[in-house]
Amino acid sequence: MTTARDLALTAMDVAPGRPVEPGDLSLALAGAELIDLLAGGAVTLDGDRIVPGERTAMGDPVLDQAVRALSREAPYEAVGDWLWRRGRGLASVYAADLGAEDRSAANEPVLVALAQAVGIGEEGTEEVPVEAGDAVETVLAAVYDAVMELEAVRQRRAVEQSAFDNIWRGDD
């Protein structure tokens, strides 16, 4: 089972009464895919740039699609840009593709960190062990940043909509 599938299952299992924002989950799923691609040797990171490797198949249809979506031209894509591009609509892809068991009880540090990025799971377990490596920490940091950026956009739009509504109502 891939980290992204496990995260999608965790989001469905852990928060059925408190649904996760699809945009947040999509960003975290893109990060989870990137972590799996790193672990599988399909990519490496050069700073925050995703450098594709020789491997073109991961043995999972959705991850194989992620490999095909990699930018293979220098300068390679930044992790943050990958999250936004690959993440677009990814929650619905995983929702349609889910099927197997749950790994959330295993408390795997990377899965816990990704789940926390989207507001599910227990608080206070944000640290990923050193053996996760700098590349995984770079991806996790980018996921947290992207989710925070998305929340800021939501808040800005809510304020703008409220101001627009007030103008139409004649409120000052």
N, C-alpha and C. Protein backbone atom coordinates (compact mmCIF):
# COMPACT_ATOMS: atom_id res chain seq x y z
N MET A 1 0.85 -1.18 0.00
CA MET A 1 0.00 0.00 0.00
C MET A 1 0.89 1.23 0.00
N THR A 2 0.51 2.24 -0.76
CA THR A 2 1.31 3.46 -0.84
C THR A 2 0.95 4.40 0.29
N THR A 3 1.85 5.33 0.57
CA THR A 3 1.61 6.33 1.62
C THR A 3 0.39 7.18 1.27
N ALA A 4 0.23 7.52 0.01
CA ALA A 4 -0.92 8.33 -0.40
C ALA A 4 -2.24 7.59 -0.18
N ARG A 5 -2.27 6.31 -0.52
CA ARG A 5 -3.50 5.53 -0.28
C ARG A 5 -3.80 5.45 1.21
N ASP A 6 -2.74 5.21 1.99
CA ASP A 6 -2.93 5.14 3.44
C ASP A 6 -3.44 6.46 4.00
N LEU A 7 -2.91 7.57 3.47
CA LEU A 7 -3.37 8.88 3.93
C LEU A 7 -4.83 9.10 3.55
N ALA A 8 -5.22 8.72 2.35
CA ALA A 8 -6.62 8.86 1.92
C ALA A 8 -7.53 8.03 2.80
N LEU A 9 -7.12 6.80 3.10
CA LEU A 9 -7.91 5.94 4.00
C LEU A 9 -7.99 6.54 5.40
N THR A 10 -6.87 7.05 5.88
CA THR A 10 -6.84 7.67 7.21
C THR A 10 -7.79 8.85 7.26
N ALA A 11 -7.78 9.66 6.21
CA ALA A 11 -8.68 10.82 6.17
C ALA A 11 -10.13 10.39 6.20
N MET A 12 -10.45 9.30 5.54
CA MET A 12 -11.84 8.81 5.53
C MET A 12 -12.21 8.15 6.85
N ASP A 13 -11.27 7.39 7.41
CA ASP A 13 -11.55 6.64 8.64
C ASP A 13 -11.52 7.50 9.89
N VAL A 14 -10.54 8.39 9.98
CA VAL A 14 -10.34 9.16 11.19
C VAL A 14 -11.31 10.33 11.30
N ALA A 15 -11.68 10.91 10.20
CA ALA A 15 -12.48 12.12 10.26
C ALA A 15 -13.80 12.01 9.51
N PRO A 16 -14.60 10.94 9.74
CA PRO A 16 -15.85 10.85 8.98
C PRO A 16 -16.84 11.94 9.34
N GLY A 17 -16.87 12.36 10.61
CA GLY A 17 -17.77 13.43 11.02
C GLY A 17 -17.18 14.80 10.83
N ARG A 18 -15.89 14.85 10.57
CA ARG A 18 -15.18 16.11 10.38
C ARG A 18 -14.38 16.00 9.09
N PRO A 19 -15.02 16.17 7.96
CA PRO A 19 -14.34 15.95 6.69
C PRO A 19 -13.16 16.91 6.50
N VAL A 20 -12.14 16.39 5.87
CA VAL A 20 -10.95 17.16 5.54
C VAL A 20 -11.24 17.95 4.27
N GLU A 21 -10.75 19.17 4.22
CA GLU A 21 -10.90 19.98 3.01
C GLU A 21 -10.25 19.24 1.84
N PRO A 22 -10.95 19.05 0.74
CA PRO A 22 -10.37 18.32 -0.39
C PRO A 22 -9.07 18.95 -0.91
N GLY A 23 -8.98 20.26 -0.90
CA GLY A 23 -7.75 20.92 -1.37
C GLY A 23 -6.57 20.60 -0.47
N ASP A 24 -6.80 20.63 0.85
CA ASP A 24 -5.74 20.28 1.80
C ASP A 24 -5.30 18.84 1.59
N LEU A 25 -6.27 17.96 1.47
CA LEU A 25 -5.96 16.54 1.29
C LEU A 25 -5.23 16.30 -0.02
N SER A 26 -5.64 16.98 -1.07
CA SER A 26 -4.97 16.81 -2.37
C SER A 26 -3.51 17.23 -2.30
N LEU A 27 -3.22 18.33 -1.60
CA LEU A 27 -1.83 18.77 -1.45
C LEU A 27 -1.02 17.74 -0.67
N ALA A 28 -1.59 17.23 0.42
CA ALA A 28 -0.90 16.22 1.23
C ALA A 28 -0.72 14.92 0.46
N LEU A 29 -1.71 14.55 -0.36
CA LEU A 29 -1.59 13.34 -1.18
C LEU A 29 -0.46 13.48 -2.20
N ALA A 30 -0.34 14.66 -2.79
CA ALA A 30 0.76 14.89 -3.73
C ALA A 30 2.10 14.77 -3.01
N GLY A 31 2.16 15.27 -1.78
CA GLY A 31 3.37 15.12 -0.98
C GLY A 31 3.65 13.67 -0.65
N ALA A 32 2.61 12.92 -0.32
CA ALA A 32 2.76 11.50 -0.02
C ALA A 32 3.26 10.74 -1.25
N GLU A 33 2.72 11.08 -2.41
CA GLU A 33 3.20 10.44 -3.63
C GLU A 33 4.69 10.74 -3.85
N LEU A 34 5.08 11.97 -3.63
CA LEU A 34 6.47 12.34 -3.82
C LEU A 34 7.38 11.59 -2.86
N ILE A 35 6.92 11.42 -1.63
CA ILE A 35 7.69 10.65 -0.65
C ILE A 35 7.84 9.20 -1.13
N ASP A 36 6.78 8.62 -1.67
CA ASP A 36 6.86 7.26 -2.21
C ASP A 36 7.78 7.19 -3.43
N LEU A 37 7.74 8.21 -4.26
CA LEU A 37 8.63 8.24 -5.42
C LEU A 37 10.10 8.34 -4.99
N LEU A 38 10.34 9.12 -3.93
CA LEU A 38 11.70 9.20 -3.37
C LEU A 38 12.15 7.85 -2.84
N ALA A 39 11.27 7.21 -2.07
CA ALA A 39 11.60 5.91 -1.47
C ALA A 39 11.81 4.84 -2.54
N GLY A 40 11.07 4.93 -3.63
CA GLY A 40 11.17 3.95 -4.69
C GLY A 40 12.27 4.23 -5.70
N GLY A 41 12.99 5.33 -5.52
CA GLY A 41 14.07 5.65 -6.43
C GLY A 41 13.65 6.24 -7.75
N ALA A 42 12.40 6.64 -7.88
CA ALA A 42 11.93 7.24 -9.13
C ALA A 42 12.35 8.70 -9.24
N VAL A 43 12.65 9.34 -8.11
CA VAL A 43 13.10 10.73 -8.09
C VAL A 43 14.13 10.91 -6.98
N THR A 44 14.87 12.00 -7.08
CA THR A 44 15.71 12.49 -6.00
C THR A 44 15.44 13.99 -5.90
N LEU A 45 15.90 14.58 -4.83
CA LEU A 45 15.78 16.02 -4.70
C LEU A 45 17.16 16.66 -4.79
N ASP A 46 17.22 17.75 -5.54
CA ASP A 46 18.41 18.59 -5.60
C ASP A 46 17.98 19.92 -5.00
N GLY A 47 18.20 20.06 -3.68
CA GLY A 47 17.64 21.20 -2.96
C GLY A 47 16.15 20.98 -2.87
N ASP A 48 15.37 21.89 -3.48
CA ASP A 48 13.92 21.70 -3.49
C ASP A 48 13.42 21.33 -4.89
N ARG A 49 14.32 20.92 -5.76
CA ARG A 49 13.97 20.54 -7.13
C ARG A 49 13.84 19.03 -7.26
N ILE A 50 12.81 18.57 -7.96
CA ILE A 50 12.54 17.15 -8.15
C ILE A 50 13.26 16.68 -9.41
N VAL A 51 14.25 15.81 -9.22
CA VAL A 51 15.02 15.30 -10.35
C VAL A 51 14.54 13.88 -10.65
N PRO A 52 13.92 13.67 -11.82
CA PRO A 52 13.43 12.33 -12.14
C PRO A 52 14.58 11.35 -12.34
N GLY A 53 14.34 10.12 -11.93
CA GLY A 53 15.32 9.06 -12.11
C GLY A 53 15.00 8.24 -13.34
N GLU A 54 15.66 7.12 -13.44
CA GLU A 54 15.46 6.23 -14.59
C GLU A 54 14.18 5.41 -14.46
N ARG A 55 13.76 5.17 -13.23
CA ARG A 55 12.60 4.31 -12.99
C ARG A 55 11.33 4.96 -13.52
N THR A 56 10.57 4.22 -14.29
CA THR A 56 9.35 4.78 -14.89
C THR A 56 8.08 4.09 -14.43
N ALA A 57 8.21 3.03 -13.62
CA ALA A 57 7.02 2.33 -13.13
C ALA A 57 7.22 2.01 -11.66
N MET A 58 6.15 2.20 -10.89
CA MET A 58 6.20 1.96 -9.45
C MET A 58 5.35 0.76 -9.03
N GLY A 59 4.60 0.20 -9.96
CA GLY A 59 3.76 -0.95 -9.64
C GLY A 59 2.41 -0.58 -9.07
N ASP A 60 2.08 0.68 -9.09
CA ASP A 60 0.78 1.18 -8.62
C ASP A 60 0.28 2.14 -9.70
N PRO A 61 -0.95 1.96 -10.17
CA PRO A 61 -1.42 2.77 -11.30
C PRO A 61 -1.40 4.28 -11.04
N VAL A 62 -1.76 4.69 -9.83
CA VAL A 62 -1.80 6.13 -9.56
C VAL A 62 -0.38 6.68 -9.41
N LEU A 63 0.51 5.91 -8.77
CA LEU A 63 1.91 6.35 -8.67
C LEU A 63 2.58 6.33 -10.04
N ASP A 64 2.24 5.36 -10.87
CA ASP A 64 2.78 5.34 -12.23
C ASP A 64 2.35 6.60 -12.99
N GLN A 65 1.13 7.03 -12.76
CA GLN A 65 0.65 8.27 -13.36
C GLN A 65 1.47 9.46 -12.84
N ALA A 66 1.81 9.44 -11.55
CA ALA A 66 2.63 10.50 -10.97
C ALA A 66 4.01 10.54 -11.61
N VAL A 67 4.59 9.36 -11.86
CA VAL A 67 5.90 9.29 -12.51
C VAL A 67 5.81 9.90 -13.91
N ARG A 68 4.74 9.59 -14.63
CA ARG A 68 4.57 10.13 -15.98
C ARG A 68 4.36 11.64 -15.95
N ALA A 69 3.87 12.16 -14.84
CA ALA A 69 3.60 13.60 -14.73
C ALA A 69 4.84 14.42 -14.37
N LEU A 70 5.95 13.75 -14.07
CA LEU A 70 7.16 14.47 -13.69
C LEU A 70 7.69 15.33 -14.83
N SER A 71 8.21 16.48 -14.48
CA SER A 71 8.88 17.33 -15.45
C SER A 71 10.28 16.77 -15.66
N ARG A 72 10.60 16.44 -16.89
CA ARG A 72 11.89 15.81 -17.19
C ARG A 72 12.88 16.78 -17.83
N GLU A 73 12.55 18.04 -17.83
CA GLU A 73 13.41 19.06 -18.41
C GLU A 73 13.99 19.94 -17.31
N ALA A 74 15.28 20.26 -17.42
CA ALA A 74 15.91 21.19 -16.48
C ALA A 74 15.46 22.60 -16.85
N PRO A 75 15.24 23.52 -15.96
CA PRO A 75 15.35 23.31 -14.51
C PRO A 75 14.14 22.53 -14.03
N TYR A 76 14.39 21.56 -13.20
CA TYR A 76 13.33 20.68 -12.74
C TYR A 76 12.36 21.42 -11.83
N GLU A 77 11.20 20.83 -11.67
CA GLU A 77 10.12 21.44 -10.91
C GLU A 77 10.43 21.48 -9.41
N ALA A 78 10.06 22.57 -8.77
CA ALA A 78 10.21 22.71 -7.32
C ALA A 78 9.14 21.87 -6.63
N VAL A 79 9.45 21.43 -5.43
CA VAL A 79 8.52 20.59 -4.67
C VAL A 79 7.18 21.31 -4.50
N GLY A 80 7.21 22.58 -4.11
CA GLY A 80 5.96 23.33 -3.92
C GLY A 80 5.13 23.41 -5.19
N ASP A 81 5.79 23.62 -6.32
CA ASP A 81 5.07 23.68 -7.59
C ASP A 81 4.45 22.33 -7.93
N TRP A 82 5.19 21.23 -7.65
CA TRP A 82 4.67 19.87 -7.87
C TRP A 82 3.40 19.66 -7.04
N LEU A 83 3.44 20.08 -5.77
CA LEU A 83 2.28 19.87 -4.91
C LEU A 83 1.04 20.53 -5.49
N TRP A 84 1.17 21.75 -5.97
CA TRP A 84 0.03 22.47 -6.52
C TRP A 84 -0.43 21.86 -7.84
N ARG A 85 0.52 21.50 -8.71
CA ARG A 85 0.15 20.96 -10.02
C ARG A 85 -0.40 19.54 -9.90
N ARG A 86 0.34 18.68 -9.23
CA ARG A 86 -0.08 17.28 -9.11
C ARG A 86 -1.29 17.15 -8.19
N GLY A 87 -1.35 18.00 -7.18
CA GLY A 87 -2.42 17.89 -6.20
C GLY A 87 -3.80 18.27 -6.71
N ARG A 88 -3.87 19.00 -7.79
CA ARG A 88 -5.17 19.46 -8.28
C ARG A 88 -6.11 18.28 -8.54
N GLY A 89 -7.14 18.15 -7.69
CA GLY A 89 -8.14 17.10 -7.84
C GLY A 89 -7.69 15.71 -7.40
N LEU A 90 -6.52 15.60 -6.75
CA LEU A 90 -5.97 14.29 -6.42
C LEU A 90 -6.80 13.56 -5.36
N ALA A 91 -7.46 14.30 -4.48
CA ALA A 91 -8.30 13.64 -3.46
C ALA A 91 -9.40 12.81 -4.12
N SER A 92 -10.00 13.34 -5.17
CA SER A 92 -11.06 12.59 -5.84
C SER A 92 -10.50 11.37 -6.58
N VAL A 93 -9.26 11.47 -7.08
CA VAL A 93 -8.63 10.32 -7.75
C VAL A 93 -8.47 9.18 -6.75
N TYR A 94 -7.97 9.50 -5.55
CA TYR A 94 -7.77 8.47 -4.55
C TYR A 94 -9.10 7.97 -3.97
N ALA A 95 -10.07 8.83 -3.84
CA ALA A 95 -11.38 8.39 -3.35
C ALA A 95 -11.99 7.37 -4.30
N ALA A 96 -11.80 7.59 -5.60
CA ALA A 96 -12.35 6.66 -6.59
C ALA A 96 -11.54 5.36 -6.67
N ASP A 97 -10.28 5.40 -6.24
CA ASP A 97 -9.39 4.27 -6.42
C ASP A 97 -9.16 3.44 -5.14
N LEU A 98 -9.75 3.87 -4.03
CA LEU A 98 -9.48 3.19 -2.76
C LEU A 98 -10.06 1.79 -2.70
N GLY A 99 -9.44 0.99 -1.81
CA GLY A 99 -9.97 -0.33 -1.62
C GLY A 99 -9.47 -1.07 -0.41
N ALA A 100 -8.25 -0.91 0.06
CA ALA A 100 -7.67 -1.88 1.01
C ALA A 100 -7.72 -1.45 2.45
N GLU A 101 -6.82 -2.07 3.25
CA GLU A 101 -6.87 -1.88 4.70
C GLU A 101 -6.25 -0.56 5.15
N ASP A 102 -6.37 -0.32 6.43
CA ASP A 102 -5.95 0.92 7.07
C ASP A 102 -4.61 0.73 7.75
N ARG A 103 -3.73 1.72 7.67
CA ARG A 103 -2.44 1.64 8.32
C ARG A 103 -2.29 2.74 9.35
N SER A 104 -3.34 3.49 9.63
CA SER A 104 -3.23 4.62 10.55
C SER A 104 -2.88 4.19 11.97
N ALA A 105 -3.26 2.99 12.37
CA ALA A 105 -2.96 2.52 13.71
C ALA A 105 -1.47 2.27 13.91
N ALA A 106 -0.74 2.14 12.84
CA ALA A 106 0.70 1.87 12.94
C ALA A 106 1.48 3.10 13.38
N ASN A 107 0.88 4.26 13.34
CA ASN A 107 1.53 5.51 13.74
C ASN A 107 2.86 5.73 13.03
N GLU A 108 2.90 5.45 11.75
CA GLU A 108 4.10 5.71 10.98
C GLU A 108 4.34 7.21 10.96
N PRO A 109 5.54 7.65 11.30
CA PRO A 109 5.81 9.09 11.45
C PRO A 109 5.48 9.93 10.23
N VAL A 110 5.80 9.46 9.04
CA VAL A 110 5.51 10.24 7.84
C VAL A 110 4.01 10.35 7.62
N LEU A 111 3.30 9.25 7.80
CA LEU A 111 1.85 9.27 7.65
C LEU A 111 1.20 10.17 8.70
N VAL A 112 1.69 10.10 9.93
CA VAL A 112 1.18 10.96 11.00
C VAL A 112 1.40 12.43 10.66
N ALA A 113 2.59 12.77 10.17
CA ALA A 113 2.89 14.15 9.81
C ALA A 113 2.00 14.64 8.67
N LEU A 114 1.79 13.81 7.66
CA LEU A 114 0.91 14.19 6.55
C LEU A 114 -0.53 14.35 7.01
N ALA A 115 -0.99 13.45 7.87
CA ALA A 115 -2.35 13.54 8.40
C ALA A 115 -2.52 14.82 9.21
N GLN A 116 -1.52 15.16 10.01
CA GLN A 116 -1.60 16.38 10.79
C GLN A 116 -1.62 17.62 9.91
N ALA A 117 -0.96 17.57 8.78
CA ALA A 117 -0.94 18.70 7.86
C ALA A 117 -2.34 19.05 7.38
N VAL A 118 -3.21 18.05 7.31
CA VAL A 118 -4.58 18.30 6.86
C VAL A 118 -5.57 18.34 8.01
N GLY A 119 -5.04 18.36 9.25
CA GLY A 119 -5.90 18.55 10.42
C GLY A 119 -6.51 17.30 11.00
N ILE A 120 -5.95 16.14 10.71
CA ILE A 120 -6.46 14.92 11.33
C ILE A 120 -5.34 14.26 12.12
N GLY A 121 -5.71 13.44 13.05
CA GLY A 121 -4.72 12.76 13.86
C GLY A 121 -4.50 13.49 15.17
N GLU A 122 -3.54 13.02 15.93
CA GLU A 122 -3.27 13.58 17.23
C GLU A 122 -2.27 14.71 17.12
N GLU A 123 -2.42 15.70 17.99
CA GLU A 123 -1.52 16.84 18.02
C GLU A 123 -0.21 16.46 18.68
N GLY A 124 0.83 17.21 18.36
CA GLY A 124 2.08 17.08 19.07
C GLY A 124 3.03 16.02 18.55
N THR A 125 2.78 15.44 17.39
CA THR A 125 3.67 14.41 16.86
C THR A 125 4.21 14.85 15.51
N GLU A 126 4.54 16.12 15.37
CA GLU A 126 4.94 16.66 14.08
C GLU A 126 6.34 16.27 13.65
N GLU A 127 7.22 15.87 14.59
CA GLU A 127 8.58 15.56 14.22
C GLU A 127 8.67 14.23 13.49
N VAL A 128 9.42 14.25 12.40
CA VAL A 128 9.69 13.03 11.66
C VAL A 128 11.09 12.59 12.07
N PRO A 129 11.29 11.32 12.36
CA PRO A 129 12.62 10.86 12.78
C PRO A 129 13.69 11.20 11.75
N VAL A 130 14.92 11.38 12.23
CA VAL A 130 16.04 11.74 11.37
C VAL A 130 16.21 10.74 10.24
N GLU A 131 15.95 9.46 10.49
CA GLU A 131 16.14 8.47 9.44
C GLU A 131 15.20 8.65 8.26
N ALA A 132 14.21 9.55 8.39
CA ALA A 132 13.34 9.84 7.25
C ALA A 132 14.12 10.57 6.17
N GLY A 133 15.14 11.31 6.55
CA GLY A 133 16.00 11.97 5.57
C GLY A 133 15.59 13.37 5.23
N ASP A 134 16.56 14.12 4.73
CA ASP A 134 16.33 15.52 4.38
C ASP A 134 15.30 15.68 3.27
N ALA A 135 15.30 14.77 2.30
CA ALA A 135 14.36 14.89 1.19
C ALA A 135 12.92 14.78 1.68
N VAL A 136 12.65 13.83 2.57
CA VAL A 136 11.30 13.66 3.10
C VAL A 136 10.93 14.88 3.94
N GLU A 137 11.86 15.38 4.73
CA GLU A 137 11.58 16.58 5.53
C GLU A 137 11.30 17.78 4.63
N THR A 138 12.00 17.89 3.49
CA THR A 138 11.74 18.96 2.54
C THR A 138 10.32 18.86 1.98
N VAL A 139 9.90 17.65 1.65
CA VAL A 139 8.54 17.44 1.13
C VAL A 139 7.51 17.76 2.20
N LEU A 140 7.71 17.28 3.41
CA LEU A 140 6.75 17.55 4.50
C LEU A 140 6.65 19.05 4.76
N ALA A 141 7.77 19.75 4.78
CA ALA A 141 7.73 21.21 4.98
C ALA A 141 6.96 21.89 3.87
N ALA A 142 7.16 21.44 2.63
CA ALA A 142 6.43 22.02 1.49
C ALA A 142 4.94 21.75 1.60
N VAL A 143 4.55 20.57 2.07
CA VAL A 143 3.12 20.25 2.25
C VAL A 143 2.52 21.18 3.29
N TYR A 144 3.19 21.33 4.44
CA TYR A 144 2.68 22.24 5.47
C TYR A 144 2.54 23.66 4.93
N ASP A 145 3.55 24.14 4.20
CA ASP A 145 3.50 25.49 3.63
C ASP A 145 2.35 25.64 2.64
N ALA A 146 2.16 24.64 1.78
CA ALA A 146 1.10 24.71 0.77
C ALA A 146 -0.28 24.70 1.41
N VAL A 147 -0.46 23.88 2.44
CA VAL A 147 -1.75 23.83 3.13
C VAL A 147 -2.03 25.16 3.83
N MET A 148 -1.00 25.75 4.44
CA MET A 148 -1.18 27.06 5.09
C MET A 148 -1.49 28.13 4.05
N GLU A 149 -0.84 28.07 2.89
CA GLU A 149 -1.10 29.03 1.83
C GLU A 149 -2.54 28.90 1.32
N LEU A 150 -3.01 27.67 1.19
CA LEU A 150 -4.38 27.44 0.75
C LEU A 150 -5.38 27.99 1.77
N GLU A 151 -5.10 27.80 3.04
CA GLU A 151 -5.98 28.34 4.09
C GLU A 151 -5.99 29.87 4.04
N ALA A 152 -4.85 30.49 3.80
CA ALA A 152 -4.79 31.95 3.68
C ALA A 152 -5.63 32.44 2.50
N VAL A 153 -5.59 31.70 1.40
CA VAL A 153 -6.41 32.06 0.23
C VAL A 153 -7.89 31.94 0.58
N ARG A 154 -8.26 30.86 1.29
CA ARG A 154 -9.66 30.69 1.70
C ARG A 154 -10.12 31.86 2.58
N GLN A 155 -9.27 32.23 3.53
CA GLN A 155 -9.64 33.32 4.44
C GLN A 155 -9.77 34.63 3.68
N ARG A 156 -8.84 34.91 2.77
CA ARG A 156 -8.90 36.14 1.98
C ARG A 156 -10.18 36.17 1.16
N ARG A 157 -10.54 35.05 0.54
CA ARG A 157 -11.76 35.00 -0.27
C ARG A 157 -13.00 35.18 0.60
N ALA A 158 -12.98 34.64 1.81
CA ALA A 158 -14.12 34.80 2.71
C ALA A 158 -14.29 36.27 3.09
N VAL A 159 -13.19 36.95 3.37
CA VAL A 159 -13.25 38.37 3.72
C VAL A 159 -13.75 39.19 2.53
N GLU A 160 -13.22 38.89 1.35
CA GLU A 160 -13.66 39.59 0.14
C GLU A 160 -15.14 39.35 -0.13
N GLN A 161 -15.61 38.12 0.05
CA GLN A 161 -17.01 37.81 -0.18
C GLN A 161 -17.89 38.53 0.83
N SER A 162 -17.44 38.57 2.07
CA SER A 162 -18.20 39.27 3.11
C SER A 162 -18.30 40.76 2.78
N ALA A 163 -17.21 41.36 2.34
CA ALA A 163 -17.23 42.77 1.98
C ALA A 163 -18.16 43.00 0.79
N PHE A 164 -18.12 42.11 -0.19
CA PHE A 164 -18.99 42.22 -1.35
C PHE A 164 -20.46 42.11 -0.93
N ASP A 165 -20.75 41.14 -0.04
CA ASP A 165 -22.11 40.98 0.46
C ASP A 165 -22.59 42.22 1.18
N ASN A 166 -21.70 42.84 1.97
CA ASN A 166 -22.06 44.05 2.70
C ASN A 166 -22.38 45.20 1.75
N ILE A 167 -21.63 45.30 0.65
CA ILE A 167 -21.89 46.35 -0.33
C ILE A 167 -23.27 46.17 -0.94
N TRP A 168 -23.65 44.94 -1.27
CA TRP A 168 -24.95 44.68 -1.88
C TRP A 168 -26.09 44.89 -0.91
N ARG A 169 -25.82 44.63 0.38
CA ARG A 169 -26.86 44.86 1.39
C ARG A 169 -26.94 46.32 1.79
N GLY A 170 -25.90 47.09 1.47
CA GLY A 170 -25.87 48.49 1.85
C GLY A 170 -25.27 48.71 3.23
N ASP A 171 -24.62 47.69 3.81
CA ASP A 171 -23.95 47.85 5.10
C ASP A 171 -22.65 48.60 4.91
N ASP A 172 -22.25 49.32 5.94
CA ASP A 172 -20.97 50.02 5.88
C ASP A 172 -19.93 49.30 6.66
